[in-house]
Amino acid sequence: MSLGLELLYQALLLADARQSQYALDRPAEYREINPLVRKYGVKKYFIASAVSHAFITYTIPKKYVPMWQYSTVIVQAGFVANNAHVGVKIRF
């Protein structure tokens, strides 16, 4: 397991969570498209995602960990970049 990649994924997930909350706070401007975020809320969804990702990273066979980590980092970075592109900000 690469701790650096795991931390990068978790940082991107946090950025996505903050963007999701920003969008949910502005329903006239943005629409959250993830139905699980709409159903369970930002905090529950993203805590479950963070824990699940770390658990999967720790439990899958070691030969698959790099592929798992790189692919999830790329996907998560795409979500954050797309949100930023349409104007969704990251606020803490």
N, C-alpha and C. Protein backbone atom coordinates (compact mmCIF):
# COMPACT_ATOMS: atom_id res chain seq x y z
N MET A 1 0.85 -1.19 0.00
CA MET A 1 0.00 0.00 0.00
C MET A 1 0.88 1.24 0.00
N SER A 2 0.50 2.20 -0.82
CA SER A 2 1.20 3.48 -0.82
C SER A 2 0.44 4.45 0.08
N LEU A 3 1.08 4.82 1.16
CA LEU A 3 0.45 5.76 2.08
C LEU A 3 0.21 7.10 1.39
N GLY A 4 1.16 7.51 0.54
CA GLY A 4 1.00 8.77 -0.18
C GLY A 4 -0.23 8.78 -1.07
N LEU A 5 -0.45 7.68 -1.81
CA LEU A 5 -1.63 7.61 -2.67
C LEU A 5 -2.91 7.56 -1.85
N GLU A 6 -2.88 6.87 -0.73
CA GLU A 6 -4.07 6.82 0.13
C GLU A 6 -4.39 8.21 0.67
N LEU A 7 -3.37 8.92 1.11
CA LEU A 7 -3.60 10.28 1.61
C LEU A 7 -4.07 11.21 0.50
N LEU A 8 -3.54 11.04 -0.72
CA LEU A 8 -4.00 11.84 -1.85
C LEU A 8 -5.48 11.56 -2.13
N TYR A 9 -5.86 10.29 -2.15
CA TYR A 9 -7.27 9.94 -2.37
C TYR A 9 -8.14 10.58 -1.28
N GLN A 10 -7.72 10.45 -0.04
CA GLN A 10 -8.52 11.00 1.07
C GLN A 10 -8.63 12.51 0.98
N ALA A 11 -7.58 13.19 0.55
CA ALA A 11 -7.63 14.65 0.39
C ALA A 11 -8.59 15.03 -0.74
N LEU A 12 -8.54 14.29 -1.83
CA LEU A 12 -9.48 14.55 -2.93
C LEU A 12 -10.92 14.27 -2.51
N LEU A 13 -11.11 13.23 -1.72
CA LEU A 13 -12.45 12.92 -1.21
C LEU A 13 -12.96 14.04 -0.32
N LEU A 14 -12.10 14.59 0.52
CA LEU A 14 -12.49 15.72 1.37
C LEU A 14 -12.85 16.94 0.52
N ALA A 15 -12.06 17.19 -0.52
CA ALA A 15 -12.38 18.31 -1.42
C ALA A 15 -13.74 18.09 -2.07
N ASP A 16 -14.01 16.87 -2.51
CA ASP A 16 -15.30 16.55 -3.12
C ASP A 16 -16.43 16.72 -2.12
N ALA A 17 -16.20 16.33 -0.88
CA ALA A 17 -17.23 16.49 0.15
C ALA A 17 -17.55 17.97 0.37
N ARG A 18 -16.53 18.79 0.42
CA ARG A 18 -16.76 20.22 0.62
C ARG A 18 -17.47 20.82 -0.60
N GLN A 19 -17.12 20.36 -1.80
CA GLN A 19 -17.81 20.83 -2.99
C GLN A 19 -19.27 20.38 -2.98
N SER A 20 -19.52 19.15 -2.55
CA SER A 20 -20.90 18.67 -2.48
C SER A 20 -21.73 19.50 -1.51
N GLN A 21 -21.15 19.83 -0.36
CA GLN A 21 -21.88 20.65 0.60
C GLN A 21 -22.14 22.04 0.03
N TYR A 22 -21.16 22.59 -0.65
CA TYR A 22 -21.31 23.90 -1.29
C TYR A 22 -22.47 23.87 -2.29
N ALA A 23 -22.52 22.83 -3.10
CA ALA A 23 -23.60 22.70 -4.09
C ALA A 23 -24.95 22.51 -3.42
N LEU A 24 -25.01 21.68 -2.40
CA LEU A 24 -26.28 21.44 -1.70
C LEU A 24 -26.80 22.71 -1.02
N ASP A 25 -25.88 23.56 -0.59
CA ASP A 25 -26.28 24.83 0.05
C ASP A 25 -26.79 25.85 -0.96
N ARG A 26 -26.63 25.56 -2.26
CA ARG A 26 -27.02 26.49 -3.32
C ARG A 26 -27.85 25.76 -4.38
N PRO A 27 -29.01 25.26 -4.00
CA PRO A 27 -29.81 24.45 -4.94
C PRO A 27 -30.28 25.22 -6.17
N ALA A 28 -30.35 26.52 -6.09
CA ALA A 28 -30.76 27.30 -7.26
C ALA A 28 -29.64 27.38 -8.31
N GLU A 29 -28.40 27.16 -7.87
CA GLU A 29 -27.25 27.28 -8.78
C GLU A 29 -26.70 25.93 -9.23
N TYR A 30 -26.73 24.93 -8.32
CA TYR A 30 -26.08 23.65 -8.59
C TYR A 30 -27.00 22.50 -8.24
N ARG A 31 -26.69 21.35 -8.81
CA ARG A 31 -27.45 20.14 -8.51
C ARG A 31 -26.47 19.03 -8.16
N GLU A 32 -26.61 18.46 -6.99
CA GLU A 32 -25.80 17.30 -6.59
C GLU A 32 -26.36 16.08 -7.32
N ILE A 33 -25.54 15.43 -8.13
CA ILE A 33 -26.05 14.32 -8.94
C ILE A 33 -25.91 12.96 -8.27
N ASN A 34 -25.12 12.88 -7.20
CA ASN A 34 -24.97 11.60 -6.51
C ASN A 34 -26.19 11.36 -5.62
N PRO A 35 -27.01 10.36 -5.95
CA PRO A 35 -28.22 10.14 -5.16
C PRO A 35 -27.92 9.70 -3.72
N LEU A 36 -26.78 9.07 -3.50
CA LEU A 36 -26.44 8.65 -2.13
C LEU A 36 -26.10 9.85 -1.25
N VAL A 37 -25.46 10.85 -1.82
CA VAL A 37 -25.19 12.07 -1.06
C VAL A 37 -26.49 12.77 -0.73
N ARG A 38 -27.41 12.83 -1.69
CA ARG A 38 -28.71 13.46 -1.43
C ARG A 38 -29.50 12.69 -0.38
N LYS A 39 -29.41 11.35 -0.41
CA LYS A 39 -30.19 10.54 0.51
C LYS A 39 -29.62 10.53 1.93
N TYR A 40 -28.30 10.36 2.06
CA TYR A 40 -27.70 10.19 3.39
C TYR A 40 -27.00 11.42 3.93
N GLY A 41 -26.77 12.40 3.08
CA GLY A 41 -26.07 13.61 3.52
C GLY A 41 -24.58 13.50 3.27
N VAL A 42 -23.96 14.64 3.22
CA VAL A 42 -22.54 14.72 2.90
C VAL A 42 -21.69 13.99 3.93
N LYS A 43 -21.93 14.25 5.20
CA LYS A 43 -21.07 13.69 6.24
C LYS A 43 -21.10 12.17 6.25
N LYS A 44 -22.29 11.58 6.28
CA LYS A 44 -22.40 10.12 6.32
C LYS A 44 -21.81 9.47 5.08
N TYR A 45 -22.14 10.02 3.92
CA TYR A 45 -21.66 9.42 2.67
C TYR A 45 -20.13 9.46 2.59
N PHE A 46 -19.54 10.60 2.87
CA PHE A 46 -18.10 10.73 2.68
C PHE A 46 -17.30 10.04 3.79
N ILE A 47 -17.82 9.96 4.99
CA ILE A 47 -17.13 9.17 6.03
C ILE A 47 -17.16 7.70 5.64
N ALA A 48 -18.30 7.22 5.18
CA ALA A 48 -18.39 5.82 4.74
C ALA A 48 -17.46 5.56 3.57
N SER A 49 -17.36 6.51 2.64
CA SER A 49 -16.46 6.35 1.49
C SER A 49 -15.00 6.32 1.93
N ALA A 50 -14.63 7.19 2.84
CA ALA A 50 -13.25 7.25 3.31
C ALA A 50 -12.84 5.95 4.00
N VAL A 51 -13.70 5.48 4.89
CA VAL A 51 -13.41 4.25 5.63
C VAL A 51 -13.40 3.05 4.68
N SER A 52 -14.36 3.00 3.78
CA SER A 52 -14.44 1.89 2.83
C SER A 52 -13.21 1.83 1.94
N HIS A 53 -12.77 2.97 1.46
CA HIS A 53 -11.59 2.99 0.59
C HIS A 53 -10.36 2.47 1.33
N ALA A 54 -10.15 2.95 2.53
CA ALA A 54 -9.00 2.51 3.32
C ALA A 54 -9.10 1.01 3.61
N PHE A 55 -10.29 0.53 3.94
CA PHE A 55 -10.48 -0.89 4.22
C PHE A 55 -10.18 -1.75 2.99
N ILE A 56 -10.71 -1.35 1.85
CA ILE A 56 -10.47 -2.09 0.62
C ILE A 56 -8.98 -2.08 0.27
N THR A 57 -8.36 -0.92 0.41
CA THR A 57 -6.92 -0.81 0.12
C THR A 57 -6.12 -1.77 0.99
N TYR A 58 -6.51 -1.90 2.24
CA TYR A 58 -5.78 -2.75 3.18
C TYR A 58 -6.05 -4.24 2.96
N THR A 59 -7.23 -4.58 2.46
CA THR A 59 -7.62 -5.99 2.40
C THR A 59 -7.47 -6.67 1.05
N ILE A 60 -7.41 -5.91 -0.04
CA ILE A 60 -7.27 -6.58 -1.34
C ILE A 60 -5.85 -7.13 -1.48
N PRO A 61 -5.69 -8.11 -2.36
CA PRO A 61 -4.34 -8.65 -2.58
C PRO A 61 -3.35 -7.55 -2.97
N LYS A 62 -2.17 -7.63 -2.41
CA LYS A 62 -1.16 -6.57 -2.58
C LYS A 62 -0.86 -6.25 -4.05
N LYS A 63 -0.94 -7.25 -4.92
CA LYS A 63 -0.61 -6.99 -6.32
C LYS A 63 -1.64 -6.07 -7.00
N TYR A 64 -2.84 -5.96 -6.43
CA TYR A 64 -3.89 -5.11 -7.00
C TYR A 64 -3.95 -3.71 -6.38
N VAL A 65 -3.24 -3.51 -5.30
CA VAL A 65 -3.32 -2.23 -4.59
C VAL A 65 -2.91 -1.04 -5.46
N PRO A 66 -1.78 -1.09 -6.17
CA PRO A 66 -1.43 0.08 -6.99
C PRO A 66 -2.50 0.41 -8.04
N MET A 67 -3.02 -0.58 -8.71
CA MET A 67 -4.06 -0.34 -9.71
C MET A 67 -5.31 0.28 -9.04
N TRP A 68 -5.70 -0.25 -7.91
CA TRP A 68 -6.84 0.27 -7.15
C TRP A 68 -6.61 1.72 -6.75
N GLN A 69 -5.45 1.99 -6.17
CA GLN A 69 -5.19 3.34 -5.69
C GLN A 69 -5.08 4.34 -6.84
N TYR A 70 -4.33 4.01 -7.86
CA TYR A 70 -4.20 4.95 -8.99
C TYR A 70 -5.55 5.20 -9.66
N SER A 71 -6.33 4.15 -9.87
CA SER A 71 -7.60 4.34 -10.56
C SER A 71 -8.58 5.16 -9.73
N THR A 72 -8.62 4.93 -8.43
CA THR A 72 -9.56 5.70 -7.60
C THR A 72 -9.10 7.15 -7.44
N VAL A 73 -7.79 7.38 -7.40
CA VAL A 73 -7.28 8.76 -7.34
C VAL A 73 -7.66 9.50 -8.63
N ILE A 74 -7.49 8.84 -9.78
CA ILE A 74 -7.81 9.47 -11.05
C ILE A 74 -9.31 9.80 -11.13
N VAL A 75 -10.15 8.87 -10.74
CA VAL A 75 -11.60 9.10 -10.78
C VAL A 75 -11.98 10.24 -9.83
N GLN A 76 -11.46 10.20 -8.61
CA GLN A 76 -11.80 11.24 -7.64
C GLN A 76 -11.30 12.60 -8.09
N ALA A 77 -10.10 12.65 -8.67
CA ALA A 77 -9.57 13.91 -9.19
C ALA A 77 -10.46 14.45 -10.31
N GLY A 78 -11.01 13.55 -11.12
CA GLY A 78 -11.93 13.96 -12.17
C GLY A 78 -13.18 14.59 -11.62
N PHE A 79 -13.72 14.03 -10.54
CA PHE A 79 -14.92 14.61 -9.92
C PHE A 79 -14.63 16.02 -9.40
N VAL A 80 -13.51 16.16 -8.70
CA VAL A 80 -13.15 17.46 -8.13
C VAL A 80 -12.90 18.48 -9.24
N ALA A 81 -12.19 18.06 -10.28
CA ALA A 81 -11.90 18.97 -11.39
C ALA A 81 -13.18 19.39 -12.11
N ASN A 82 -14.08 18.45 -12.34
CA ASN A 82 -15.34 18.78 -13.01
C ASN A 82 -16.16 19.75 -12.16
N ASN A 83 -16.24 19.49 -10.88
CA ASN A 83 -16.96 20.40 -9.99
C ASN A 83 -16.36 21.80 -10.06
N ALA A 84 -15.04 21.89 -10.00
CA ALA A 84 -14.38 23.19 -10.07
C ALA A 84 -14.65 23.87 -11.41
N HIS A 85 -14.66 23.08 -12.46
CA HIS A 85 -14.90 23.63 -13.80
C HIS A 85 -16.27 24.29 -13.92
N VAL A 86 -17.27 23.73 -13.25
CA VAL A 86 -18.61 24.33 -13.33
C VAL A 86 -18.84 25.38 -12.24
N GLY A 87 -17.80 25.65 -11.44
CA GLY A 87 -17.89 26.75 -10.48
C GLY A 87 -18.14 26.36 -9.04
N VAL A 88 -18.16 25.08 -8.74
CA VAL A 88 -18.40 24.64 -7.37
C VAL A 88 -17.11 24.85 -6.57
N LYS A 89 -17.22 25.58 -5.50
CA LYS A 89 -16.04 25.93 -4.71
C LYS A 89 -15.80 24.94 -3.57
N ILE A 90 -14.59 24.98 -3.04
CA ILE A 90 -14.22 24.17 -1.88
C ILE A 90 -14.13 25.14 -0.70
N ARG A 91 -15.04 25.00 0.24
CA ARG A 91 -15.04 25.87 1.42
C ARG A 91 -14.97 25.03 2.68
N PHE A 92 -14.15 25.48 3.62
CA PHE A 92 -14.04 24.78 4.92
C PHE A 92 -14.58 25.65 6.02
